C-alpha atoms as a PDB file:
ATOM      1  CA  MET A   1      50.126   8.184  46.836  1.00  0.00           C
ATOM      2  CA  MET A   2      52.579   5.024  44.183  1.00  0.00           C
ATOM      3  CA  LYS A   3      51.754   2.057  43.290  1.00  0.00           C
ATOM      4  CA  SER A   4      54.318   0.246  45.371  1.00  0.00           C
ATOM      5  CA  ASP A   5      53.174   2.145  48.610  1.00  0.00           C
ATOM      6  CA  VAL A   6      49.904   0.795  48.135  1.00  0.00           C
ATOM      7  CA  LYS A   7      50.494  -2.288  47.346  1.00  0.00           C
ATOM      8  CA  ARG A   8      53.060  -1.786  51.181  1.00  0.00           C
ATOM      9  CA  LEU A   9      50.339  -0.702  52.883  1.00  0.00           C
ATOM     10  CA  ALA A  10      47.978  -3.695  51.843  1.00  0.00           C
ATOM     11  CA  ASN A  11      50.477  -5.712  53.385  1.00  0.00           C
ATOM     12  CA  GLU A  12      50.822  -3.951  56.536  1.00  0.00           C
ATOM     13  CA  MET A  13      47.291  -4.302  56.870  1.00  0.00           C
ATOM     14  CA  ASN A  14      47.255  -8.307  56.226  1.00  0.00           C
ATOM     15  CA  LEU A  15      45.924  -8.068  52.479  1.00  0.00           C
ATOM     16  CA  GLU A  16      48.415  -9.828  50.885  1.00  0.00           C
ATOM     17  CA  ARG A  17      46.168 -11.300  48.285  1.00  0.00           C
ATOM     18  CA  ILE A  18      45.182  -8.083  46.691  1.00  0.00           C
ATOM     19  CA  ALA A  19      48.988  -7.170  46.918  1.00  0.00           C
ATOM     20  CA  ARG A  20      50.037  -9.687  45.384  1.00  0.00           C
ATOM     21  CA  LYS A  21      47.213 -10.369  42.627  1.00  0.00           C
ATOM     22  CA  HIS A  22      48.059  -9.614  39.205  1.00  0.00           C
ATOM     23  CA  GLU A  23      47.638  -6.521  37.164  1.00  0.00           C
ATOM     24  CA  SER A  24      44.557  -5.949  34.633  1.00  0.00           C
ATOM     25  CA  MET A  25      45.594  -4.179  31.464  1.00  0.00           C
ATOM     26  CA  GLY A  26      42.988  -5.288  28.942  1.00  0.00           C
ATOM     27  CA  LEU A  27      39.298  -5.670  29.439  1.00  0.00           C
ATOM     28  CA  CYS A  28      37.974  -8.215  31.901  1.00  0.00           C
ATOM     29  CA  PHE A  29      34.880  -9.524  30.686  1.00  0.00           C
ATOM     30  CA  VAL A  30      36.161 -10.169  27.118  1.00  0.00           C
ATOM     31  CA  GLY A  31      38.472 -13.041  28.103  1.00  0.00           C
ATOM     32  CA  LYS A  32      40.905 -15.162  25.412  1.00  0.00           C
ATOM     33  CA  ARG A  33      38.781 -13.873  22.445  1.00  0.00           C
ATOM     34  CA  LYS A  34      39.098 -11.528  19.793  1.00  0.00           C
ATOM     35  CA  PHE A  35      37.112  -8.082  20.468  1.00  0.00           C
ATOM     36  CA  SER A  36      35.533  -7.612  17.509  1.00  0.00           C
ATOM     37  CA  ARG A  37      34.291 -11.146  17.990  1.00  0.00           C
ATOM     38  CA  PHE A  38      32.802 -10.133  20.921  1.00  0.00           C
ATOM     39  CA  ILE A  39      31.890  -6.584  20.225  1.00  0.00           C
ATOM     40  CA  SER A  40      30.236  -8.725  16.563  1.00  0.00           C
ATOM     41  CA  GLN A  41      27.563  -9.819  19.732  1.00  0.00           C
ATOM     42  CA  PHE A  42      26.489  -6.505  20.219  1.00  0.00           C
ATOM     43  CA  ILE A  43      26.810  -4.258  17.032  1.00  0.00           C
ATOM     44  CA  PRO A  44      25.725  -5.369  14.014  1.00  0.00           C
ATOM     45  CA  ASP A  45      28.078  -6.330  10.913  1.00  0.00           C
ATOM     46  CA  ASN A  46      28.045  -3.069   8.492  1.00  0.00           C
ATOM     47  CA  ILE A  47      30.452  -3.859   5.308  1.00  0.00           C
ATOM     48  CA  GLY A  48      32.491  -1.557   3.860  1.00  0.00           C
ATOM     49  CA  TYR A  49      35.374  -0.805   1.719  1.00  0.00           C
ATOM     50  CA  ILE A  50      39.274  -1.308   2.775  1.00  0.00           C
ATOM     51  CA  LYS A  51      41.623   2.137   0.694  1.00  0.00           C
ATOM     52  CA  LEU A  52      44.643   2.293   0.669  1.00  0.00           C
ATOM     53  CA  ILE A  53      45.668   5.960   1.455  1.00  0.00           C
ATOM     54  CA  GLU A  54      47.952   6.683  -1.444  1.00  0.00           C
ATOM     55  CA  THR A  55      45.891   5.610  -4.479  1.00  0.00           C
ATOM     56  CA  ASN A  56      42.431   5.381  -3.133  1.00  0.00           C
ATOM     57  CA  GLU A  57      42.463   1.652  -4.412  1.00  0.00           C
ATOM     58  CA  ILE A  58      39.898  -1.060  -2.679  1.00  0.00           C
ATOM     59  CA  ILE A  59      42.052  -3.606  -1.335  1.00  0.00           C
ATOM     60  CA  GLY A  60      39.406  -5.538   0.361  1.00  0.00           C
ATOM     61  CA  LYS A  61      36.389  -4.930   2.550  1.00  0.00           C
ATOM     62  CA  HIS A  62      35.819  -5.182   6.429  1.00  0.00           C
ATOM     63  CA  CYS A  63      32.673  -6.084   8.616  1.00  0.00           C
ATOM     64  CA  GLY A  64      32.398  -2.348  10.198  1.00  0.00           C
ATOM     65  CA  ILE A  65      35.066   0.103  11.245  1.00  0.00           C
ATOM     66  CA  HIS A  66      34.009  -0.245  15.238  1.00  0.00           C
ATOM     67  CA  CYS A  67      36.092  -3.622  14.917  1.00  0.00           C
ATOM     68  CA  TYR A  68      39.091  -2.207  14.362  1.00  0.00           C
ATOM     69  CA  THR A  69      41.656   0.794  15.591  1.00  0.00           C
ATOM     70  CA  MET A  70      44.393   3.045  14.367  1.00  0.00           C
ATOM     71  CA  GLY A  71      47.841   1.362  13.561  1.00  0.00           C
ATOM     72  CA  GLN A  72      46.084  -2.224  13.843  1.00  0.00           C
ATOM     73  CA  ARG A  73      47.739  -4.477  11.194  1.00  0.00           C
ATOM     74  CA  ILE A  74      45.617  -5.516   8.351  1.00  0.00           C
ATOM     75  CA  THR A  75      44.991  -7.873   5.399  1.00  0.00           C
ATOM     76  CA  PRO A  76      44.039  -7.110   1.722  1.00  0.00           C
ATOM     77  CA  ILE A  77      41.681  -9.416   0.792  1.00  0.00           C
ATOM     78  CA  ASN A  78      42.174  -8.056  -2.809  1.00  0.00           C
ATOM     79  CA  LYS A  79      44.003 -10.799  -4.467  1.00  0.00           C
ATOM     80  CA  HIS A  80      45.797  -8.306  -7.113  1.00  0.00           C
ATOM     81  CA  TYR A  81      46.949  -6.321  -4.562  1.00  0.00           C
ATOM     82  CA  THR A  82      51.151  -6.821  -3.048  1.00  0.00           C
ATOM     83  CA  SER A  83      52.994  -5.229  -1.440  1.00  0.00           C
ATOM     84  CA  SER A  84      56.674  -6.468   0.134  1.00  0.00           C
ATOM     85  CA  LYS A  85      55.464  -4.128   3.118  1.00  0.00           C
ATOM     86  CA  PRO A  86      52.422  -4.660   5.647  1.00  0.00           C
ATOM     87  CA  LEU A  87      49.197  -2.632   6.124  1.00  0.00           C
ATOM     88  CA  PHE A  88      48.178  -0.642   8.753  1.00  0.00           C
ATOM     89  CA  ILE A  89      45.167   1.474   9.399  1.00  0.00           C
ATOM     90  CA  ALA A  90      46.001   5.072   9.580  1.00  0.00           C
ATOM     91  CA  LYS A  91      42.422   6.436   9.275  1.00  0.00           C
ATOM     92  CA  LYS A  92      38.498   5.617   9.200  1.00  0.00           C
ATOM     93  CA  ASP A  93      36.358   7.609   7.840  1.00  0.00           C
ATOM     94  CA  PRO A  94      32.297   6.780  10.079  1.00  0.00           C
ATOM     95  CA  ILE A  95      30.817   8.878   7.082  1.00  0.00           C
ATOM     96  CA  GLU A  96      31.363   6.865   4.113  1.00  0.00           C
ATOM     97  CA  ASN A  97      32.119   3.792   6.185  1.00  0.00           C
ATOM     98  CA  ILE A  98      35.324   3.468   4.985  1.00  0.00           C
ATOM     99  CA  ILE A  99      39.042   2.342   5.999  1.00  0.00           C
ATOM    100  CA  TYR A 100      42.161   3.590   4.983  1.00  0.00           C
ATOM    101  CA  ALA A 101      45.136   1.548   4.974  1.00  0.00           C
ATOM    102  CA  ALA A 102      48.881   2.629   4.955  1.00  0.00           C
ATOM    103  CA  PRO A 103      52.119   0.412   3.536  1.00  0.00           C
ATOM    104  CA  GLY A 104      54.714   0.142   6.527  1.00  0.00           C
ATOM    105  CA  THR A 105      55.176   0.861   9.961  1.00  0.00           C
ATOM    106  CA  ASN A 106      56.842   4.094   9.719  1.00  0.00           C
ATOM    107  CA  HIS A 107      54.091   5.547   6.901  1.00  0.00           C
ATOM    108  CA  PRO A 108      53.886   8.936   7.954  1.00  0.00           C
ATOM    109  CA  ALA A 109      49.503   8.584   7.600  1.00  0.00           C
ATOM    110  CA  LEU A 110      49.976   6.790  10.870  1.00  0.00           C
ATOM    111  CA  PHE A 111      52.110  10.102  12.745  1.00  0.00           C
ATOM    112  CA  THR A 112      50.614  13.128  14.319  1.00  0.00           C
ATOM    113  CA  LYS A 113      52.753  16.038  16.151  1.00  0.00           C
ATOM    114  CA  SER A 114      49.297  17.120  18.195  1.00  0.00           C
ATOM    115  CA  PHE A 115      45.694  16.020  19.192  1.00  0.00           C
ATOM    116  CA  HIS A 116      43.063  17.687  21.014  1.00  0.00           C
ATOM    117  CA  THR A 117      41.082  16.596  23.617  1.00  0.00           C
ATOM    118  CA  ASP A 118      38.039  16.937  25.248  1.00  0.00           C
ATOM    119  CA  ILE A 119      37.379  19.388  28.590  1.00  0.00           C
ATOM    120  CA  PRO A 120      40.334  17.797  30.919  1.00  0.00           C
ATOM    121  CA  TYR A 121      39.057  16.614  34.250  1.00  0.00           C
ATOM    122  CA  TRP A 122      42.472  18.122  37.176  1.00  0.00           C
ATOM    123  CA  ILE A 123      42.921  16.244  40.285  1.00  0.00           C
ATOM    124  CA  ASN A 124      43.420  19.090  42.313  1.00  0.00           C
ATOM    125  CA  GLU A 125      43.035  22.162  40.339  1.00  0.00           C
ATOM    126  CA  MET A 126      43.873  23.763  36.690  1.00  0.00           C
ATOM    127  CA  PRO A 127      47.815  24.423  36.705  1.00  0.00           C
ATOM    128  CA  LEU A 128      47.460  28.401  37.856  1.00  0.00           C
ATOM    129  CA  LEU A 129      50.365  28.888  34.636  1.00  0.00           C
ATOM    130  CA  LEU A 130      48.065  27.218  32.307  1.00  0.00           C
ATOM    131  CA  LYS A 131      45.006  29.261  33.839  1.00  0.00           C
ATOM    132  CA  GLU A 132      46.795  32.707  33.779  1.00  0.00           C
ATOM    133  CA  THR A 133      48.828  31.873  29.632  1.00  0.00           C
ATOM    134  CA  GLY A 134      46.394  29.865  28.693  1.00  0.00           C
ATOM    135  CA  GLN A 135      50.041  27.349  27.986  1.00  0.00           C
ATOM    136  CA  TYR A 136      51.699  24.656  30.106  1.00  0.00           C
ATOM    137  CA  GLN A 137      54.790  22.395  29.587  1.00  0.00           C
ATOM    138  CA  CYS A 138      54.492  18.922  31.219  1.00  0.00           C
ATOM    139  CA  ASP A 139      54.594  15.369  30.944  1.00  0.00           C
ATOM    140  CA  PHE A 140      51.778  12.932  28.784  1.00  0.00           C
ATOM    141  CA  ARG A 141      50.803   9.325  28.270  1.00  0.00           C
ATOM    142  CA  PHE A 142      48.470   8.141  26.542  1.00  0.00           C
ATOM    143  CA  GLN A 143      49.649   3.894  26.557  1.00  0.00           C
ATOM    144  CA  HIS A 144      50.142   2.470  30.053  1.00  0.00           C
ATOM    145  CA  LYS A 145      53.705   0.658  28.574  1.00  0.00           C
ATOM    146  CA  HIS A 146      54.824   4.288  27.477  1.00  0.00           C
ATOM    147  CA  ARG A 147      57.762   6.769  29.379  1.00  0.00           C
ATOM    148  CA  PRO A 148      56.434  10.190  29.760  1.00  0.00           C
ATOM    149  CA  LEU A 149      56.600  12.599  27.125  1.00  0.00           C
ATOM    150  CA  SER A 150      57.093  16.332  27.817  1.00  0.00           C
ATOM    151  CA  VAL A 151      54.705  18.453  25.861  1.00  0.00           C
ATOM    152  CA  ILE A 152      53.181  22.173  25.135  1.00  0.00           C
ATOM    153  CA  ILE A 153      49.029  22.095  26.055  1.00  0.00           C
ATOM    154  CA  SER A 154      47.179  25.160  25.147  1.00  0.00           C
ATOM    155  CA  LEU A 155      43.889  25.926  26.837  1.00  0.00           C
ATOM    156  CA  LEU A 156      40.770  26.618  24.188  1.00  0.00           C
ATOM    157  CA  ASN A 157      38.524  28.823  24.516  1.00  0.00           C
ATOM    158  CA  ASN A 158      35.870  26.269  25.451  1.00  0.00           C
ATOM    159  CA  ASN A 159      38.133  24.695  28.030  1.00  0.00           C
ATOM    160  CA  THR A 160      39.347  21.624  25.533  1.00  0.00           C
ATOM    161  CA  LEU A 161      43.157  21.266  25.223  1.00  0.00           C
ATOM    162  CA  HIS A 162      45.438  21.154  21.725  1.00  0.00           C
ATOM    163  CA  VAL A 163      48.677  19.414  23.125  1.00  0.00           C
ATOM    164  CA  SER A 164      51.894  19.873  20.756  1.00  0.00           C
ATOM    165  CA  LEU A 165      54.356  16.898  21.197  1.00  0.00           C
ATOM    166  CA  PRO A 166      57.902  17.369  20.376  1.00  0.00           C
ATOM    167  CA  ILE A 167      58.427  14.694  18.397  1.00  0.00           C
ATOM    168  CA  PRO A 168      55.820  12.448  15.519  1.00  0.00           C
ATOM    169  CA  ILE A 169      53.839  10.145  17.420  1.00  0.00           C
ATOM    170  CA  ARG A 170      52.490   7.108  16.373  1.00  0.00           C
ATOM    171  CA  SER A 171      48.664   5.962  16.274  1.00  0.00           C
ATOM    172  CA  ILE A 172      46.956   8.948  18.248  1.00  0.00           C
ATOM    173  CA  CYS A 173      43.286   7.465  18.776  1.00  0.00           C
ATOM    174  CA  PRO A 174      40.303   8.992  19.493  1.00  0.00           C
ATOM    175  CA  GLY A 175      38.710   7.955  22.603  1.00  0.00           C
ATOM    176  CA  GLN A 176      42.097   7.003  24.193  1.00  0.00           C
ATOM    177  CA  TYR A 177      42.856   9.008  27.465  1.00  0.00           C
ATOM    178  CA  ALA A 178      46.068  11.798  28.179  1.00  0.00           C
ATOM    179  CA  VAL A 179      46.825  11.602  31.116  1.00  0.00           C
ATOM    180  CA  PHE A 180      48.777  14.720  32.918  1.00  0.00           C
ATOM    181  CA  TYR A 181      52.019  14.525  34.438  1.00  0.00           C
ATOM    182  CA  ASP A 182      54.291  16.870  36.372  1.00  0.00           C
ATOM    183  CA  GLU A 183      56.838  14.470  37.594  1.00  0.00           C
ATOM    184  CA  ASN A 184      55.279  11.811  39.565  1.00  0.00           C
ATOM    185  CA  GLU A 185      52.561  14.100  39.956  1.00  0.00           C
ATOM    186  CA  VAL A 186      49.452  13.470  38.189  1.00  0.00           C
ATOM    187  CA  LEU A 187      47.432  16.150  37.275  1.00  0.00           C
ATOM    188  CA  GLY A 188      44.711  15.167  35.448  1.00  0.00           C
ATOM    189  CA  ALA A 189      43.691  13.881  31.861  1.00  0.00           C
ATOM    190  CA  ALA A 190      41.269  13.909  29.428  1.00  0.00           C
ATOM    191  CA  ARG A 191      39.866  12.272  26.679  1.00  0.00           C
ATOM    192  CA  ILE A 192      41.476  12.214  23.305  1.00  0.00           C
ATOM    193  CA  ILE A 193      38.829  13.539  21.015  1.00  0.00           C
ATOM    194  CA  ASP A 194      40.900  14.445  17.446  1.00  0.00           C
ATOM    195  CA  SER A 195      43.691  13.061  16.552  1.00  0.00           C
ATOM    196  CA  GLY A 196      44.885  15.912  14.626  1.00  0.00           C
ATOM    197  CA  ILE A 197      46.180  16.348  11.099  1.00  0.00           C
ATOM    198  CA  SER A 198      48.545  13.140  10.140  1.00  0.00           C
ATOM    199  CA  LEU A 199      51.989  14.196   8.908  1.00  0.00           C
ATOM    200  CA  TYR A 200      51.119  12.545   5.737  1.00  0.00           C
ATOM    201  CA  ASP A 201      48.027  15.174   4.786  1.00  0.00           C
ATOM    202  CA  LEU A 202      50.900  17.787   6.315  1.00  0.00           C
ATOM    203  CA  LYS A 203      53.095  16.168   2.929  1.00  0.00           C
ATOM    204  CA  TRP A 204      56.077  15.383   5.213  1.00  0.00           C
ATOM    205  CA  THR A 205      58.981  14.373   3.693  1.00  0.00           C
ATOM    206  CA  GLU A 206      61.504  13.240   6.373  1.00  0.00           C
ATOM    207  CA  PRO A 207      61.803   9.594   7.570  1.00  0.00           C
ATOM    208  CA  LEU A 208      60.367   8.231  10.597  1.00  0.00           C
ATOM    209  CA  ILE A 209      61.088   5.414  13.271  1.00  0.00           C
ATOM    210  CA  ASN A 210      58.429   4.259  15.685  1.00  0.00           C
ATOM    211  CA  SER A 211      57.648   5.605  18.100  1.00  0.00           C
ATOM    212  CA  ASP A 212      57.203   2.942  20.062  1.00  0.00           C
ATOM    213  CA  LEU A 213      60.540   2.008  19.930  1.00  0.00           C
ATOM    214  CA  PHE A 214      61.401   5.159  22.334  1.00  0.00           C
ATOM    215  CA  LEU A 215      58.743   5.468  24.325  1.00  0.00           C
ATOM    216  CA  ASN A 216      58.425   1.914  25.132  1.00  0.00           C
ATOM    217  CA  MET A 217      59.239   1.676  29.096  1.00  0.00           C
ATOM    218  CA  CYS A 218      61.180  -1.477  28.507  1.00  0.00           C
END
């Protein structure tokens, strides 16, 4: 059932207030606060280094990798480091407590062409073709503002999924959810557990375009 149909039914059942209610896209209980400030009330700071991914140069410190997300823009603290390009988080190392930053929106360290998910939840059942052949072509989204993108999903031995992307995608993060579609029908969803090998690690040399520019629906 489409969202518009649900709202129409709500109006027909005299639930106009619910039908007109604005949707929430964020964490309602956080309110108008920085997430890092909110989460620091529950998780103690764990100071670590911010390093430049290309040279391993220390360009600052962070208060804990849990306060930062992949693709987030950061400001270097090292006054000796200068760059004409803004810095974005490209990698987080929880073992060494290091955040790696990449210069520029389109740096290959921010992009991947595949990722790995946990065992998916299928709304009805696993697509028959995926069950029989181990592969299935469908649409997927990982952000609500993005249009669906055609991908190939491969079933692994432990029933997790490997997802192959047709184009490099920016800032896919573990913990996000991939939702799979057959046209307008939702097939199921799975938690992303590995964002795959970055194009920087694959020695990518071709020009890249921020995938948000053409995936955004408006």
